[in-house]
């Protein structure tokens, strides 16, 4: 079954077919494509520390590899990462505050899912992905045509964004990850490393931001 942008019920059904640790792999893979967006706030406002989120995500991959979660360490990482989520007061000068918020939130959700990897918890991460694509494309449309929201229905907006290159590429990657995870019982190091690094995009994020 192929998933589509905005169709979270379909994706959640797909996640139920995976083991808890396989679901964490899917979430962590999504985070890898979001994380570069966080660095833009640091570049523009000088706020935040991307290494906090990078280190936390590295630990998630380490937990997956060992298949042994240290609950105390997860909670400590989660507390630090929650403090790293930017808000309007601290990044008011950044053009990419929403994208940075979604990236940080996705990693927080992934850490929470390490303790309880249910489909309902995992689905919060791809929702951050969709929010990022939707928010960025909406902002770009606002610049091109401030009246575009008045000219299209919500369904028309969703259809347009679903057909954008960013959405098509991201959904293709999610479908690919799901299919690969379904065919692999044992998550060995080579498989994890391949999946983790398969979206290079010249070190840019899923919306082509450096």
Protein backbone atom coordinates (compact mmCIF):
# COMPACT_ATOMS: atom_id res chain seq x y z
CA UNK A 1 0.00 0.00 0.00
CA UNK A 2 1.49 3.36 -1.02
CA UNK A 3 1.18 6.25 1.39
CA UNK A 4 0.44 9.82 0.35
CA UNK A 5 1.00 13.25 1.83
CA UNK A 6 -1.65 14.13 4.46
CA UNK A 7 -2.97 10.54 4.61
CA UNK A 8 -1.82 9.72 8.12
CA UNK A 9 -4.41 6.99 8.67
CA UNK A 10 -2.86 5.00 5.81
CA UNK A 11 0.63 5.52 7.17
CA UNK A 12 -0.42 4.55 10.68
CA UNK A 13 -1.88 1.32 9.31
CA UNK A 14 1.44 0.62 7.58
CA UNK A 15 3.33 1.22 10.83
CA UNK A 16 1.24 -1.34 12.66
CA UNK A 17 2.77 -4.00 10.41
CA UNK A 18 6.27 -3.18 11.67
CA UNK A 19 7.91 -4.21 14.91
CA UNK A 20 8.48 -1.48 17.53
CA UNK A 21 12.18 -1.15 16.70
CA UNK A 22 11.46 -1.06 12.96
CA UNK A 23 9.04 1.81 13.61
CA UNK A 24 11.81 3.70 15.42
CA UNK A 25 14.04 3.28 12.38
CA UNK A 26 11.35 4.85 10.21
CA UNK A 27 11.02 7.82 12.58
CA UNK A 28 14.77 8.33 12.86
CA UNK A 29 15.10 8.28 9.08
CA UNK A 30 12.50 11.04 8.81
CA UNK A 31 14.42 13.09 11.38
CA UNK A 32 17.60 12.87 9.32
CA UNK A 33 15.84 14.72 6.49
CA UNK A 34 14.46 17.39 8.83
CA UNK A 35 17.52 18.11 10.94
CA UNK A 36 19.40 20.38 8.47
CA UNK A 37 16.56 22.90 8.75
CA UNK A 38 17.41 23.55 12.40
CA UNK A 39 20.84 24.90 11.56
CA UNK A 40 19.32 27.80 9.59
CA UNK A 41 18.01 29.43 12.78
CA UNK A 42 21.51 29.33 14.22
CA UNK A 43 22.87 30.94 11.06
CA UNK A 44 20.24 33.71 11.01
CA UNK A 45 19.63 34.42 14.70
CA UNK A 46 22.63 32.89 16.39
CA UNK A 47 20.17 30.96 18.59
CA UNK A 48 20.24 27.29 19.39
CA UNK A 49 22.81 24.51 19.18
CA UNK A 50 22.31 22.03 16.32
CA UNK A 51 24.77 19.63 17.93
CA UNK A 52 22.27 18.96 20.74
CA UNK A 53 19.77 17.51 18.29
CA UNK A 54 22.46 15.80 16.24
CA UNK A 55 23.83 14.05 19.30
CA UNK A 56 20.34 13.02 20.44
CA UNK A 57 19.52 11.54 17.04
CA UNK A 58 22.87 9.72 17.03
CA UNK A 59 21.89 8.18 20.36
CA UNK A 60 18.57 7.04 18.93
CA UNK A 61 20.41 5.20 16.15
CA UNK A 62 22.70 3.70 18.78
CA UNK A 63 19.71 2.46 20.78
CA UNK A 64 18.25 0.94 17.62
CA UNK A 65 21.52 -0.78 16.77
CA UNK A 66 21.85 -2.28 20.26
CA UNK A 67 18.07 -2.76 20.59
CA UNK A 68 18.51 -1.71 24.18
CA UNK A 69 16.93 1.54 25.38
CA UNK A 70 18.27 3.33 28.45
CA UNK A 71 15.12 5.02 29.77
CA UNK A 72 17.02 7.37 32.08
CA UNK A 73 19.29 8.55 29.28
CA UNK A 74 16.32 9.00 26.93
CA UNK A 75 14.55 11.22 29.46
CA UNK A 76 17.70 13.28 29.94
CA UNK A 77 18.12 13.72 26.20
CA UNK A 78 14.45 14.58 25.83
CA UNK A 79 14.68 17.32 28.46
CA UNK A 80 17.67 18.91 26.72
CA UNK A 81 16.06 18.66 23.28
CA UNK A 82 12.78 20.14 24.49
CA UNK A 83 14.71 23.18 25.66
CA UNK A 84 16.25 23.39 22.19
CA UNK A 85 12.88 23.71 20.42
CA UNK A 86 12.76 27.32 19.18
CA UNK A 87 9.76 29.52 19.91
CA UNK A 88 8.55 32.84 18.51
CA UNK A 89 10.23 34.84 21.28
CA UNK A 90 13.72 33.51 20.65
CA UNK A 91 13.77 33.24 16.85
CA UNK A 92 11.52 36.08 15.74
CA UNK A 93 14.13 37.22 13.23
CA UNK A 94 14.45 33.89 11.45
CA UNK A 95 12.71 33.13 8.19
CA UNK A 96 12.79 29.44 8.99
CA UNK A 97 11.54 29.33 12.58
CA UNK A 98 8.68 26.94 11.74
CA UNK A 99 10.95 24.53 9.89
CA UNK A 100 13.38 24.56 12.83
CA UNK A 101 10.56 23.96 15.30
CA UNK A 102 9.32 20.96 13.34
CA UNK A 103 12.83 19.49 13.13
CA UNK A 104 13.41 19.79 16.87
CA UNK A 105 9.92 18.55 17.70
CA UNK A 106 10.36 15.50 15.47
CA UNK A 107 13.47 14.47 17.38
CA UNK A 108 11.66 15.00 20.69
CA UNK A 109 8.80 12.81 19.46
CA UNK A 110 11.30 10.15 18.36
CA UNK A 111 12.91 10.15 21.80
CA UNK A 112 9.49 9.76 23.40
CA UNK A 113 8.76 6.91 21.01
CA UNK A 114 11.90 5.13 22.18
CA UNK A 115 10.03 4.60 25.45
CA UNK A 116 6.69 3.76 23.83
CA UNK A 117 7.01 3.03 20.08
CA UNK A 118 3.32 2.69 19.26
CA UNK A 119 2.11 3.71 15.79
CA UNK A 120 0.24 6.66 17.34
CA UNK A 121 3.47 7.97 18.83
CA UNK A 122 5.59 7.28 15.76
CA UNK A 123 3.09 9.01 13.45
CA UNK A 124 3.87 12.33 15.16
CA UNK A 125 7.23 12.36 13.38
CA UNK A 126 5.99 12.12 9.76
CA UNK A 127 3.38 14.71 10.73
CA UNK A 128 6.31 17.06 11.41
CA UNK A 129 7.57 16.19 7.94
CA UNK A 130 4.24 17.09 6.35
CA UNK A 131 3.97 20.27 8.44
CA UNK A 132 7.41 21.28 7.20
CA UNK A 133 6.57 20.76 3.53
CA UNK A 134 3.15 22.37 3.87
CA UNK A 135 4.45 25.33 5.87
CA UNK A 136 7.40 26.03 3.60
CA UNK A 137 5.39 25.80 0.39
CA UNK A 138 2.65 27.99 1.90
CA UNK A 139 5.22 30.63 2.81
CA UNK A 140 6.64 30.55 -0.71
CA UNK A 141 3.15 30.91 -2.18
CA UNK A 142 2.47 33.89 0.10
CA UNK A 143 5.52 35.62 -1.32
CA UNK A 144 4.50 34.91 -4.91
CA UNK A 145 0.82 35.79 -4.44
CA UNK A 146 -0.51 37.14 -1.11
CA UNK A 147 -4.07 36.35 -2.24
CA UNK A 148 -3.56 32.72 -3.20
CA UNK A 149 -5.36 31.37 -0.13
CA UNK A 150 -8.53 33.15 -1.22
CA UNK A 151 -8.36 31.62 -4.66
CA UNK A 152 -8.08 27.92 -3.73
CA UNK A 153 -9.98 25.57 -1.46
CA UNK A 154 -8.16 23.55 1.19
CA UNK A 155 -8.41 20.43 -0.95
CA UNK A 156 -6.97 22.27 -3.94
CA UNK A 157 -4.09 23.51 -1.81
CA UNK A 158 -3.36 20.00 -0.57
CA UNK A 159 -3.47 18.60 -4.08
CA UNK A 160 -1.05 21.23 -5.34
CA UNK A 161 1.40 20.63 -2.52
CA UNK A 162 1.11 16.85 -2.87
CA UNK A 163 2.27 17.19 -6.48
CA UNK A 164 5.25 19.37 -5.61
CA UNK A 165 8.71 17.87 -6.09
CA UNK A 166 9.46 18.04 -2.35
CA UNK A 167 6.35 16.03 -1.47
CA UNK A 168 6.80 13.50 -4.27
CA UNK A 169 10.42 12.88 -3.31
CA UNK A 170 9.67 12.62 0.41
CA UNK A 171 6.73 10.28 0.03
CA UNK A 172 8.78 8.10 -2.31
CA UNK A 173 11.47 7.87 0.38
CA UNK A 174 8.94 7.01 3.08
CA UNK A 175 7.41 4.31 0.89
CA UNK A 176 10.87 2.95 0.12
CA UNK A 177 11.81 2.86 3.80
CA UNK A 178 8.59 1.09 4.73
CA UNK A 179 9.06 -1.55 2.07
CA UNK A 180 12.69 -2.15 3.03
CA UNK A 181 11.79 -2.42 6.71
CA UNK A 182 9.07 -4.95 5.93
CA UNK A 183 11.52 -7.22 4.15
CA UNK A 184 14.23 -7.20 6.84
CA UNK A 185 13.76 -9.06 10.10
CA UNK A 186 17.16 -8.38 11.62
CA UNK A 187 18.40 -4.80 11.61
CA UNK A 188 22.12 -5.21 11.08
CA UNK A 189 24.62 -2.36 11.03
CA UNK A 190 24.98 -2.30 7.24
CA UNK A 191 21.23 -2.06 6.69
CA UNK A 192 20.82 0.72 9.25
CA UNK A 193 23.74 2.70 7.87
CA UNK A 194 22.41 2.38 4.33
CA UNK A 195 18.93 3.52 5.30
CA UNK A 196 20.27 6.32 7.49
CA UNK A 197 22.42 7.81 4.74
CA UNK A 198 20.37 6.95 1.65
CA UNK A 199 18.96 10.49 1.41
CA UNK A 200 22.08 12.58 0.88
CA UNK A 201 20.66 15.50 -1.14
CA UNK A 202 24.05 17.24 -0.93
CA UNK A 203 23.53 17.62 2.83
CA UNK A 204 20.37 19.64 2.28
CA UNK A 205 17.05 18.97 3.98
CA UNK A 206 13.93 17.47 2.44
CA UNK A 207 12.94 20.97 1.28
CA UNK A 208 16.39 21.66 -0.19
CA UNK A 209 17.51 24.05 2.55
CA UNK A 210 21.25 23.92 3.36
